[in-house]
Amino acid sequence: MKKIIPNLKLLLTLFLVGFLVIQFQSCDNEPVDPIVIIDTDNDGVEDSQDNCPLNSNQDQADDDNDGIGNVCDNDADNDGISDDADNCPLVSNPDQSDADNDGIGNVCDEDYVDPSPALALCENGFADIYPCHNYDLMSHIPLSVFNSQPGSDIWGWADTETGKEYAIMGVLDGTVFVDVSDPLSPIFLGGLSTQTYGNIWRDIKVYENYAFIVADNAGEHGMQIFDLRHLRTVANPPQSFTPDLHYSGFGSAHNIVVNQDTGYAYIVGTDRNGPYAGDTIIIDIENPLNPIEAGTISGYSHDAQVVVYDGPDAEHFGKDIYIGSNEDKVLIVDVTNKGNPIVLSSIGYSNTGYTHQGWFTEDMRYFIVGDEIDELTFGGNTRTLIFDLEDLDNPLFSFDYLGPTTAIDHNGYVNGSTFYLANYRAGVRMIDIANIENSSISEIGYFDTYPDNDVASFDGAWSVYPYLPSGNILVSDIDRGLFVIRKSDL
């Protein structure tokens, strides 16, 4: 019995020490709540840190950096267009521009060609890849954007109500319309399909708010009349347009000329095998959607200009004067009486290739003519012919101007003291005619839309339109599309 008591004392001592330790610990520590992690979408990112807590997105991708993960962001690029309606949902493009109309926005379309490069100044003889002198490249739209080639004629329209400016250009399959109000960012608004079938000769002129379009060697194309005011309300370019009127009073025609002062159109180069046998048709377009034939001029004109004459020949002051480029001569006709045109005179010249097109100086003293074939037939540099029309009944050859290249000349227009010449592979040449009365004119600038070479061949600049109020100049190129250029110091 004496041996057991010490063992009991030891056990009691140990029990008492353990009890005191437990009591001490429980008094020294507060209760700890369990840690609970919530991950509703089970993607390994707890909801409090998850930028899309209801949809699994372990990578937490947030392309527009708006704090909402891509997988649950209905506007992933934060451009104000919901993803289900956005033609480029991951790159911001609030304007939804889709130039090639393939359902993919320009900014994320791999096969889209940007039509509006940044301004390319003419420096050290080049603007981008284009040889130049005194003229800068504002923008360029290649034919691939229009989905048609080649390019042909060009004209312009300045909307007096909105102040906007437009280019109207012929292509193989019809006519295209481009808003060039911002010359650095032109907008291809859409196209008007040809009335019959594709053709490389398509010509446009404008009267009031209407475009008048003809085509050569194109069957019963006739004349398309299009109200340009439709261009004000194009919401989703490019758009397919239809003519407001198709005038079928003739079929094929090479060109159309409009006298802005009288409201008459002159359809030149009609089908030689057609009912007009190549004659020029005079059409009253004062009411553009009710054209009325008013007369004809005998003989084939390739191109022409018609003016209310206020030049130096007092005998004909105030009359309507037609000057035709008639293949081998210049023809001058009084068309005041549309039903009875009177031929005043004609004039030829040496080394005639093909009398193609001409334009009056602003004082109507001189007529500047291009022969399209002489460079090919006779060789030599680009030749421009100047005629003195002080007496409309007795025109005189004044002098030749030879350009710096061997390229073929095409369409030329006068604005002020500058003659703007579309010179095919040599691009557009700007010629100072201020001293023309002294038989002296000279090149003061150029922009070469065909940089490969300047040989005599039918490529490059087809035409030029130098009459936009802004001073921007439109150029159509057979191979490369639409160019907008501008004098460097403007």
Protein backbone atom coordinates (compact mmCIF):
# COMPACT_ATOMS: atom_id res chain seq x y z
CA MET A 1 0.00 0.00 0.00
CA LYS A 2 2.83 2.40 0.77
CA LYS A 3 4.28 1.70 -2.73
CA ILE A 4 1.05 2.70 -4.57
CA ILE A 5 0.45 6.14 -3.00
CA PRO A 6 3.49 7.89 -4.62
CA ASN A 7 2.29 6.76 -8.07
CA LEU A 8 -1.15 8.25 -7.42
CA LYS A 9 0.44 11.50 -6.38
CA LEU A 10 2.41 11.58 -9.64
CA LEU A 11 -0.70 10.98 -11.74
CA LEU A 12 -2.63 13.67 -9.91
CA THR A 13 0.21 16.13 -10.41
CA LEU A 14 0.39 15.48 -14.16
CA PHE A 15 -3.38 15.86 -14.54
CA LEU A 16 -3.39 19.15 -12.70
CA VAL A 17 -0.56 20.57 -14.84
CA GLY A 18 -2.32 19.58 -18.10
CA PHE A 19 -5.57 21.16 -16.95
CA LEU A 20 -3.86 24.42 -16.10
CA VAL A 21 -2.10 24.54 -19.51
CA ILE A 22 -5.38 24.02 -21.33
CA GLN A 23 -7.06 26.72 -19.32
CA PHE A 24 -4.21 29.10 -19.96
CA GLN A 25 -4.34 28.57 -23.76
CA SER A 26 -8.07 29.02 -24.00
CA CYS A 27 -7.85 32.30 -22.21
CA ASP A 28 -5.01 33.60 -24.39
CA ASN A 29 -6.62 33.07 -27.93
CA GLU A 30 -9.89 34.43 -29.43
CA PRO A 31 -11.97 32.08 -31.65
CA VAL A 32 -10.90 32.16 -35.42
CA ASP A 33 -13.59 32.16 -38.19
CA PRO A 34 -12.97 29.69 -41.00
CA ILE A 35 -11.70 31.12 -44.36
CA VAL A 36 -14.27 30.62 -47.16
CA ILE A 37 -13.21 30.98 -50.90
CA ILE A 38 -16.02 31.62 -53.45
CA ASP A 39 -15.33 30.79 -57.11
CA THR A 40 -18.73 30.61 -58.78
CA ASP A 41 -17.46 29.79 -62.29
CA ASN A 42 -14.81 27.37 -60.93
CA ASP A 43 -12.02 28.92 -63.03
CA GLY A 44 -9.50 29.22 -60.21
CA VAL A 45 -10.04 32.95 -59.73
CA GLU A 46 -12.15 33.91 -56.73
CA ASP A 47 -15.19 36.03 -57.47
CA SER A 48 -13.81 39.10 -55.69
CA GLN A 49 -10.88 39.17 -58.13
CA ASP A 50 -12.63 37.73 -61.19
CA ASN A 51 -13.46 40.18 -64.05
CA CYS A 52 -16.13 37.77 -65.26
CA PRO A 53 -17.32 35.80 -62.16
CA LEU A 54 -20.14 33.92 -63.86
CA ASN A 55 -18.21 32.68 -66.93
CA SER A 56 -15.01 30.67 -66.71
CA ASN A 57 -12.06 32.75 -67.95
CA GLN A 58 -8.88 31.66 -66.24
CA ASP A 59 -6.77 33.99 -68.46
CA GLN A 60 -8.84 37.06 -67.36
CA ALA A 61 -8.46 38.53 -70.89
CA ASP A 62 -9.81 42.12 -71.10
CA ASP A 63 -8.83 43.58 -74.50
CA ASP A 64 -10.50 46.94 -74.01
CA ASN A 65 -9.20 47.24 -70.42
CA ASP A 66 -12.61 48.17 -69.05
CA GLY A 67 -12.54 45.73 -66.12
CA ILE A 68 -14.97 43.33 -67.79
CA GLY A 69 -13.54 40.11 -69.20
CA ASN A 70 -13.93 39.47 -72.90
CA VAL A 71 -16.10 36.38 -72.41
CA CYS A 72 -18.86 38.34 -70.70
CA ASP A 73 -18.30 41.79 -72.23
CA ASN A 74 -21.05 42.39 -74.83
CA ASP A 75 -18.90 45.23 -76.25
CA ALA A 76 -15.43 43.72 -76.06
CA ASP A 77 -13.71 46.61 -77.87
CA ASN A 78 -15.69 49.27 -75.99
CA ASP A 79 -16.67 51.13 -79.19
CA GLY A 80 -20.39 51.40 -78.43
CA ILE A 81 -21.34 48.59 -80.84
CA SER A 82 -22.55 45.32 -79.27
CA ASP A 83 -20.49 42.30 -80.25
CA ASP A 84 -23.37 40.60 -82.01
CA ALA A 85 -23.68 43.61 -84.36
CA ASP A 86 -19.99 44.63 -84.52
CA ASN A 87 -18.15 43.83 -87.79
CA CYS A 88 -14.88 43.94 -85.87
CA PRO A 89 -15.71 43.01 -82.22
CA LEU A 90 -12.17 43.04 -80.81
CA VAL A 91 -10.89 46.29 -82.35
CA SER A 92 -12.66 49.61 -81.79
CA ASN A 93 -14.36 50.88 -84.98
CA PRO A 94 -17.45 52.90 -84.08
CA ASP A 95 -17.91 53.95 -87.75
CA GLN A 96 -18.14 50.26 -88.83
CA SER A 97 -16.40 51.13 -92.14
CA ASP A 98 -16.29 48.15 -94.52
CA ALA A 99 -14.98 49.41 -97.87
CA ASP A 100 -15.02 46.06 -99.67
CA ASN A 101 -18.43 45.17 -98.21
CA ASP A 102 -17.34 41.71 -97.01
CA GLY A 103 -18.80 42.00 -93.51
CA ILE A 104 -15.40 42.57 -91.90
CA GLY A 105 -14.54 46.06 -90.70
CA ASN A 106 -11.61 47.77 -92.44
CA VAL A 107 -9.51 47.92 -89.26
CA CYS A 108 -9.43 44.14 -88.88
CA ASP A 109 -9.83 43.05 -92.52
CA GLU A 110 -6.59 41.44 -93.69
CA ASP A 111 -7.35 41.88 -97.41
CA TYR A 112 -8.51 45.49 -97.16
CA VAL A 113 -6.29 48.13 -98.81
CA ASP A 114 -6.34 51.45 -96.97
CA PRO A 115 -7.39 54.06 -99.56
CA SER A 116 -6.11 57.07 -97.68
CA PRO A 117 -2.44 57.11 -96.78
CA ALA A 118 -1.12 60.04 -94.84
CA LEU A 119 -0.25 63.18 -96.76
CA ALA A 120 2.82 62.59 -98.92
CA LEU A 121 4.63 65.86 -99.51
CA CYS A 122 6.54 66.33 -102.72
CA GLU A 123 10.10 66.25 -101.40
CA ASN A 124 13.29 65.64 -103.33
CA GLY A 125 11.29 64.92 -106.45
CA PHE A 126 8.94 62.31 -104.98
CA ALA A 127 5.67 62.05 -103.09
CA ASP A 128 5.70 58.49 -101.77
CA ILE A 129 6.71 56.50 -104.90
CA TYR A 130 5.41 59.09 -107.39
CA PRO A 131 7.70 61.54 -109.22
CA CYS A 132 6.50 65.09 -108.66
CA HIS A 133 7.28 68.77 -108.79
CA ASN A 134 5.34 71.37 -106.79
CA TYR A 135 2.36 69.05 -106.18
CA ASP A 136 1.67 66.91 -103.10
CA LEU A 137 -0.25 63.64 -102.83
CA MET A 138 -3.30 64.03 -100.59
CA SER A 139 -4.72 60.53 -101.05
CA HIS A 140 -4.99 57.60 -103.42
CA ILE A 141 -7.74 54.99 -103.86
CA PRO A 142 -6.60 51.99 -105.91
CA LEU A 143 -8.97 50.32 -108.35
CA SER A 144 -9.14 47.25 -106.08
CA VAL A 145 -11.30 49.26 -103.70
CA PHE A 146 -13.78 49.91 -106.52
CA ASN A 147 -13.59 46.24 -107.53
CA SER A 148 -13.42 47.26 -111.20
CA GLN A 149 -10.74 48.21 -113.69
CA PRO A 150 -9.49 49.94 -115.75
CA GLY A 151 -10.22 53.53 -114.81
CA SER A 152 -11.35 56.13 -117.34
CA ASP A 153 -12.79 59.64 -117.25
CA ILE A 154 -13.28 61.80 -114.16
CA TRP A 155 -15.35 64.81 -113.20
CA GLY A 156 -16.19 66.58 -109.96
CA TRP A 157 -19.15 67.99 -108.08
CA ALA A 158 -19.16 70.63 -105.34
CA ASP A 159 -22.40 70.52 -103.34
CA THR A 160 -23.32 74.17 -102.82
CA GLU A 161 -25.72 73.27 -100.02
CA THR A 162 -23.37 71.17 -97.85
CA GLY A 163 -20.00 72.45 -99.06
CA LYS A 164 -18.83 68.88 -99.68
CA GLU A 165 -16.78 67.87 -102.72
CA TYR A 166 -17.01 64.66 -104.71
CA ALA A 167 -15.10 62.76 -107.38
CA ILE A 168 -17.11 60.98 -110.08
CA MET A 169 -15.01 58.44 -111.96
CA GLY A 170 -15.66 56.00 -114.77
CA VAL A 171 -14.54 52.37 -114.43
CA LEU A 172 -15.10 49.29 -116.56
CA ASP A 173 -18.38 48.27 -114.93
CA GLY A 174 -19.90 51.69 -114.30
CA THR A 175 -19.35 54.91 -112.36
CA VAL A 176 -18.04 55.35 -108.82
CA PHE A 177 -18.62 58.21 -106.38
CA VAL A 178 -16.10 59.31 -103.76
CA ASP A 179 -16.48 61.94 -101.05
CA VAL A 180 -13.21 63.91 -101.16
CA SER A 181 -14.28 66.67 -98.76
CA ASP A 182 -11.49 65.52 -96.47
CA PRO A 183 -8.80 64.90 -99.10
CA LEU A 184 -6.68 62.92 -96.63
CA SER A 185 -9.53 60.51 -95.88
CA PRO A 186 -11.72 60.05 -98.97
CA ILE A 187 -14.81 57.87 -98.63
CA PHE A 188 -15.90 55.49 -101.38
CA LEU A 189 -19.66 56.02 -101.26
CA GLY A 190 -20.67 53.50 -103.90
CA GLY A 191 -21.17 52.83 -107.58
CA LEU A 192 -23.69 53.02 -110.39
CA SER A 193 -23.58 49.96 -112.66
CA THR A 194 -23.27 50.39 -116.41
CA GLN A 195 -26.55 50.37 -118.34
CA THR A 196 -25.45 47.57 -120.66
CA TYR A 197 -22.05 45.91 -120.27
CA GLY A 198 -18.50 46.74 -119.27
CA ASN A 199 -16.62 49.24 -121.38
CA ILE A 200 -13.38 51.19 -121.00
CA TRP A 201 -14.75 54.43 -122.53
CA ARG A 202 -17.09 56.07 -120.06
CA ASP A 203 -17.57 59.82 -119.76
CA ILE A 204 -19.30 61.97 -117.15
CA LYS A 205 -20.34 65.60 -116.96
CA VAL A 206 -22.37 67.47 -114.33
CA TYR A 207 -25.15 70.00 -114.69
CA GLU A 208 -26.72 71.51 -111.58
CA ASN A 209 -26.99 68.58 -109.13
CA TYR A 210 -27.05 65.82 -111.74
CA ALA A 211 -24.44 63.60 -113.35
CA PHE A 212 -24.88 62.64 -117.01
CA ILE A 213 -23.07 59.48 -118.08
CA VAL A 214 -22.45 57.99 -121.54
CA ALA A 215 -20.38 55.06 -122.79
CA ASP A 216 -18.76 54.27 -126.14
CA ASN A 217 -19.01 50.91 -127.93
CA ALA A 218 -21.51 49.81 -125.29
CA GLY A 219 -24.64 48.85 -127.21
CA GLU A 220 -27.80 50.71 -126.23
CA HIS A 221 -26.28 52.38 -123.20
CA GLY A 222 -27.81 55.77 -123.88
CA MET A 223 -27.44 58.36 -121.12
CA GLN A 224 -27.74 57.66 -117.41
CA ILE A 225 -28.91 60.59 -115.30
CA PHE A 226 -28.15 60.45 -111.58
CA ASP A 227 -29.23 62.90 -108.89
CA LEU A 228 -26.03 63.60 -106.96
CA ARG A 229 -27.98 64.70 -103.91
CA HIS A 230 -28.34 61.00 -103.09
CA LEU A 231 -24.71 61.18 -101.98
CA ARG A 232 -25.70 63.35 -99.01
CA THR A 233 -27.43 60.50 -97.19
CA VAL A 234 -25.26 57.41 -97.68
CA ALA A 235 -25.32 55.73 -94.26
CA ASN A 236 -23.35 52.54 -94.90
CA PRO A 237 -20.95 52.95 -97.81
CA PRO A 238 -20.28 51.60 -100.32
CA GLN A 239 -23.80 51.55 -101.70
CA SER A 240 -25.20 50.32 -105.02
CA PHE A 241 -26.96 53.16 -106.83
CA THR A 242 -29.48 53.18 -109.68
CA PRO A 243 -30.00 55.95 -112.24
CA ASP A 244 -32.86 58.36 -111.68
CA LEU A 245 -33.48 58.27 -115.43
CA HIS A 246 -32.21 56.31 -118.40
CA TYR A 247 -32.42 58.32 -121.63
CA SER A 248 -32.56 55.90 -124.54
CA GLY A 249 -32.77 58.37 -127.43
CA PHE A 250 -29.37 57.13 -128.65
CA GLY A 251 -27.16 54.13 -127.95
CA SER A 252 -23.39 54.45 -127.91
CA ALA A 253 -21.49 57.75 -127.59
CA HIS A 254 -17.87 58.54 -126.96
CA ASN A 255 -18.36 61.66 -124.89
CA ILE A 256 -20.74 64.23 -123.47
CA VAL A 257 -20.23 68.00 -123.24
CA VAL A 258 -22.38 70.39 -121.19
CA ASN A 259 -22.78 74.15 -121.57
CA GLN A 260 -23.30 75.17 -117.96
CA ASP A 261 -24.67 78.59 -118.92
CA THR A 262 -27.48 77.36 -121.15
CA GLY A 263 -28.41 73.89 -119.89
CA TYR A 264 -27.70 72.00 -123.10
CA ALA A 265 -25.79 68.73 -123.41
CA TYR A 266 -23.93 67.73 -126.57
CA ILE A 267 -23.60 63.99 -127.18
CA VAL A 268 -20.44 63.59 -129.28
CA GLY A 269 -18.96 60.59 -131.02
CA THR A 270 -22.24 58.75 -131.54
CA ASP A 271 -22.26 55.32 -133.16
CA ARG A 272 -21.26 55.75 -136.84
CA ASN A 273 -23.43 52.75 -137.69
CA GLY A 274 -26.36 53.99 -135.65
CA PRO A 275 -29.26 56.26 -136.63
CA TYR A 276 -27.18 59.42 -136.04
CA ALA A 277 -24.21 58.14 -138.10
CA GLY A 278 -21.64 59.73 -135.79
CA ASP A 279 -23.28 63.18 -135.60
CA THR A 280 -23.44 65.24 -132.41
CA ILE A 281 -26.85 65.29 -130.69
CA ILE A 282 -27.96 68.47 -128.88
CA ILE A 283 -30.20 67.77 -125.85
CA ASP A 284 -31.99 70.28 -123.65
CA ILE A 285 -31.27 69.24 -120.02
CA GLU A 286 -32.47 72.38 -118.28
CA ASN A 287 -34.97 70.05 -116.63
CA PRO A 288 -32.49 67.22 -115.99
CA LEU A 289 -35.10 64.47 -115.63
CA ASN A 290 -36.92 65.53 -118.79
CA PRO A 291 -34.25 65.68 -121.52
CA ILE A 292 -35.46 66.84 -124.93
CA GLU A 293 -33.59 66.50 -128.21
CA ALA A 294 -33.09 69.93 -129.78
CA GLY A 295 -30.94 69.35 -132.86
CA THR A 296 -27.82 67.77 -134.36
CA ILE A 297 -24.42 68.85 -135.71
CA SER A 298 -23.18 66.98 -138.77
CA GLY A 299 -19.90 65.11 -138.54
CA TYR A 300 -18.03 63.07 -135.95
CA SER A 301 -16.53 64.92 -132.98
CA HIS A 302 -14.35 62.99 -130.58
CA ASP A 303 -14.68 65.72 -127.95
CA ALA A 304 -15.81 69.34 -127.80
CA GLN A 305 -16.27 72.46 -125.71
CA VAL A 306 -19.35 74.69 -125.88
CA VAL A 307 -19.42 78.23 -124.48
CA VAL A 308 -21.45 81.40 -124.51
CA TYR A 309 -18.80 83.36 -126.37
CA ASP A 310 -17.32 86.51 -124.85
CA GLY A 311 -13.95 86.52 -126.59
CA PRO A 312 -12.27 89.05 -128.89
CA ASP A 313 -14.39 88.42 -132.01
CA ALA A 314 -17.15 91.04 -131.59
CA GLU A 315 -19.17 89.60 -134.47
CA HIS A 316 -19.97 86.48 -132.46
CA PHE A 317 -20.15 87.94 -128.96
CA GLY A 318 -22.96 86.35 -126.91
CA LYS A 319 -23.49 83.43 -129.28
CA ASP A 320 -23.33 79.74 -128.33
CA ILE A 321 -20.11 78.48 -129.90
CA TYR A 322 -19.22 74.80 -130.31
CA ILE A 323 -15.59 73.83 -130.91
CA GLY A 324 -15.16 70.19 -131.84
CA SER A 325 -12.01 68.11 -131.96
CA ASN A 326 -12.93 66.20 -135.10
CA GLU A 327 -10.19 63.60 -135.61
CA ASP A 328 -8.20 65.55 -138.25
CA LYS A 329 -9.27 69.15 -137.63
CA VAL A 330 -10.82 71.65 -135.23
CA LEU A 331 -14.40 72.58 -136.17
CA ILE A 332 -16.07 75.84 -135.05
CA VAL A 333 -19.88 75.98 -135.13
CA ASP A 334 -22.48 78.59 -134.14
CA VAL A 335 -25.11 76.59 -132.22
CA THR A 336 -27.20 79.50 -130.99
CA ASN A 337 -30.10 78.10 -133.01
CA LYS A 338 -30.05 74.46 -131.93
CA GLY A 339 -32.23 73.41 -134.83
CA ASN A 340 -29.96 75.08 -137.38
CA PRO A 341 -26.25 75.02 -136.41
CA ILE A 342 -23.99 77.06 -138.69
CA VAL A 343 -20.41 75.98 -139.39
CA LEU A 344 -18.16 79.05 -139.11
CA SER A 345 -14.79 77.48 -139.95
CA SER A 346 -12.38 74.62 -139.47
CA ILE A 347 -8.63 74.28 -139.28
CA GLY A 348 -6.17 71.43 -139.70
CA TYR A 349 -2.42 71.23 -139.01
CA SER A 350 0.67 69.33 -140.07
CA ASN A 351 1.60 65.86 -138.81
CA THR A 352 -1.95 65.08 -137.84
CA GLY A 353 -2.35 61.89 -135.86
CA TYR A 354 -5.74 62.21 -134.16
CA THR A 355 -7.26 65.53 -133.10
CA HIS A 356 -8.44 64.43 -129.69
CA GLN A 357 -9.52 67.23 -127.32
CA GLY A 358 -9.05 70.93 -126.64
CA TRP A 359 -9.96 73.80 -124.32
CA PHE A 360 -10.26 77.60 -124.55
CA THR A 361 -8.05 79.95 -122.61
CA GLU A 362 -10.23 81.97 -120.23
CA ASP A 363 -10.19 85.03 -122.49
CA MET A 364 -11.32 82.79 -125.39
CA ARG A 365 -8.50 84.05 -127.58
CA TYR A 366 -6.61 80.74 -127.83
CA PHE A 367 -7.66 77.12 -128.13
CA ILE A 368 -5.22 74.50 -126.77
CA VAL A 369 -5.42 71.09 -128.51
CA GLY A 370 -3.98 67.66 -127.91
CA ASP A 371 -3.33 65.19 -130.72
CA GLU A 372 -3.49 61.71 -129.18
CA ILE A 373 -1.64 59.72 -131.82
CA ASP A 374 1.10 62.00 -133.15
CA GLU A 375 3.68 60.86 -130.57
CA LEU A 376 3.14 57.25 -131.70
CA THR A 377 2.98 58.06 -135.43
CA PHE A 378 5.75 60.61 -135.76
CA GLY A 379 7.78 60.21 -132.56
CA GLY A 380 9.20 63.08 -130.54
CA ASN A 381 8.04 64.55 -127.26
CA THR A 382 4.48 65.31 -126.19
CA ARG A 383 3.10 67.91 -128.59
CA THR A 384 0.42 70.44 -127.66
CA LEU A 385 -0.99 72.72 -130.40
CA ILE A 386 -2.13 76.30 -129.82
CA PHE A 387 -4.60 78.01 -132.21
CA ASP A 388 -5.35 81.73 -132.35
CA LEU A 389 -9.13 82.26 -132.50
CA GLU A 390 -9.22 86.05 -132.48
CA ASP A 391 -11.38 85.67 -135.60
CA LEU A 392 -13.67 82.64 -135.30
CA ASP A 393 -14.28 82.69 -139.04
CA ASN A 394 -10.55 82.59 -139.76
CA PRO A 395 -8.69 80.55 -137.09
CA LEU A 396 -4.90 80.46 -137.27
CA PHE A 397 -2.29 78.02 -136.07
CA SER A 398 -0.12 79.82 -133.50
CA PHE A 399 2.61 77.46 -132.24
CA ASP A 400 3.51 74.03 -130.85
CA TYR A 401 4.57 73.30 -127.31
CA LEU A 402 6.77 70.24 -126.76
CA GLY A 403 6.76 68.68 -123.30
CA PRO A 404 9.73 67.09 -121.52
CA THR A 405 8.73 63.44 -122.14
CA THR A 406 7.67 61.19 -125.02
CA ALA A 407 4.35 60.27 -123.36
CA ILE A 408 1.01 60.56 -125.19
CA ASP A 409 -1.22 63.52 -124.29
CA HIS A 410 -4.89 62.96 -123.49
CA ASN A 411 -7.37 65.35 -121.80
CA GLY A 412 -6.41 68.92 -120.90
CA TYR A 413 -8.27 71.73 -119.10
CA VAL A 414 -7.58 75.40 -118.38
CA ASN A 415 -8.10 76.98 -114.98
CA GLY A 416 -6.84 80.54 -114.72
CA SER A 417 -3.36 80.78 -116.17
CA THR A 418 -2.62 77.05 -115.84
CA PHE A 419 -3.24 74.30 -118.38
CA TYR A 420 -3.67 70.92 -116.67
CA LEU A 421 -2.74 68.11 -119.06
CA ALA A 422 -3.41 64.41 -118.42
CA ASN A 423 -0.34 62.98 -120.12
CA TYR A 424 -0.86 59.22 -119.80
CA ARG A 425 2.41 57.61 -118.55
CA ALA A 426 3.86 61.03 -117.65
CA GLY A 427 0.99 61.68 -115.24
CA VAL A 428 -0.47 65.18 -115.02
CA ARG A 429 1.58 68.15 -116.23
CA MET A 430 0.87 71.72 -115.13
CA ILE A 431 1.74 74.31 -117.79
CA ASP A 432 1.90 78.06 -117.25
CA ILE A 433 0.05 79.79 -120.11
CA ALA A 434 0.20 83.37 -118.77
CA ASN A 435 2.51 84.38 -121.64
CA ILE A 436 0.71 82.46 -124.38
CA GLU A 437 0.19 85.58 -126.53
CA ASN A 438 3.97 85.70 -126.94
CA SER A 439 4.07 82.05 -128.05
CA SER A 440 5.66 81.07 -124.77
CA ILE A 441 4.29 78.53 -122.29
CA SER A 442 6.26 76.38 -119.83
CA GLU A 443 5.85 73.52 -117.41
CA ILE A 444 5.69 74.59 -113.76
CA GLY A 445 4.74 71.34 -112.05
CA TYR A 446 3.74 67.71 -112.46
CA PHE A 447 2.53 64.66 -110.59
CA ASP A 448 3.36 61.36 -112.25
CA THR A 449 0.76 58.70 -111.40
CA TYR A 450 2.62 56.13 -113.53
CA PRO A 451 6.15 56.01 -112.07
CA ASP A 452 7.38 53.06 -114.17
CA ASN A 453 8.33 55.07 -117.28
CA ASP A 454 7.14 57.84 -119.64
CA VAL A 455 7.05 55.98 -122.94
CA ALA A 456 4.31 56.57 -125.53
CA SER A 457 1.70 54.02 -124.49
CA PHE A 458 -1.92 53.99 -123.32
CA ASP A 459 -1.48 53.70 -119.55
CA GLY A 460 -1.45 56.16 -116.67
CA ALA A 461 -3.38 59.41 -116.28
CA TRP A 462 -6.60 59.42 -118.32
CA SER A 463 -8.00 62.76 -117.16
CA VAL A 464 -7.78 65.55 -114.62
CA TYR A 465 -10.40 67.74 -112.93
CA PRO A 466 -8.91 71.04 -111.63
CA TYR A 467 -12.11 72.93 -110.71
CA LEU A 468 -12.94 72.01 -107.09
CA PRO A 469 -13.35 75.16 -104.94
CA SER A 470 -10.87 73.76 -102.39
CA GLY A 471 -8.03 73.76 -104.93
CA ASN A 472 -7.66 69.98 -104.66
CA ILE A 473 -7.19 68.30 -108.03
CA LEU A 474 -8.70 64.97 -109.10
CA VAL A 475 -6.79 62.60 -111.36
CA SER A 476 -8.06 59.32 -112.85
CA ASP A 477 -5.44 56.74 -113.71
CA ILE A 478 -6.18 53.81 -116.00
CA ASP A 479 -4.10 51.41 -113.92
CA ARG A 480 -3.96 52.86 -110.42
CA GLY A 481 -7.33 54.49 -109.72
CA LEU A 482 -8.16 57.83 -108.15
CA PHE A 483 -5.57 60.37 -106.97
CA VAL A 484 -6.24 63.57 -105.05
CA ILE A 485 -3.33 66.02 -105.35
CA ARG A 486 -2.74 69.63 -104.38
CA LYS A 487 -0.31 72.43 -105.20
CA SER A 488 2.44 72.37 -102.62
CA ASP A 489 2.22 75.98 -101.50
CA LEU A 490 -1.57 76.10 -101.02
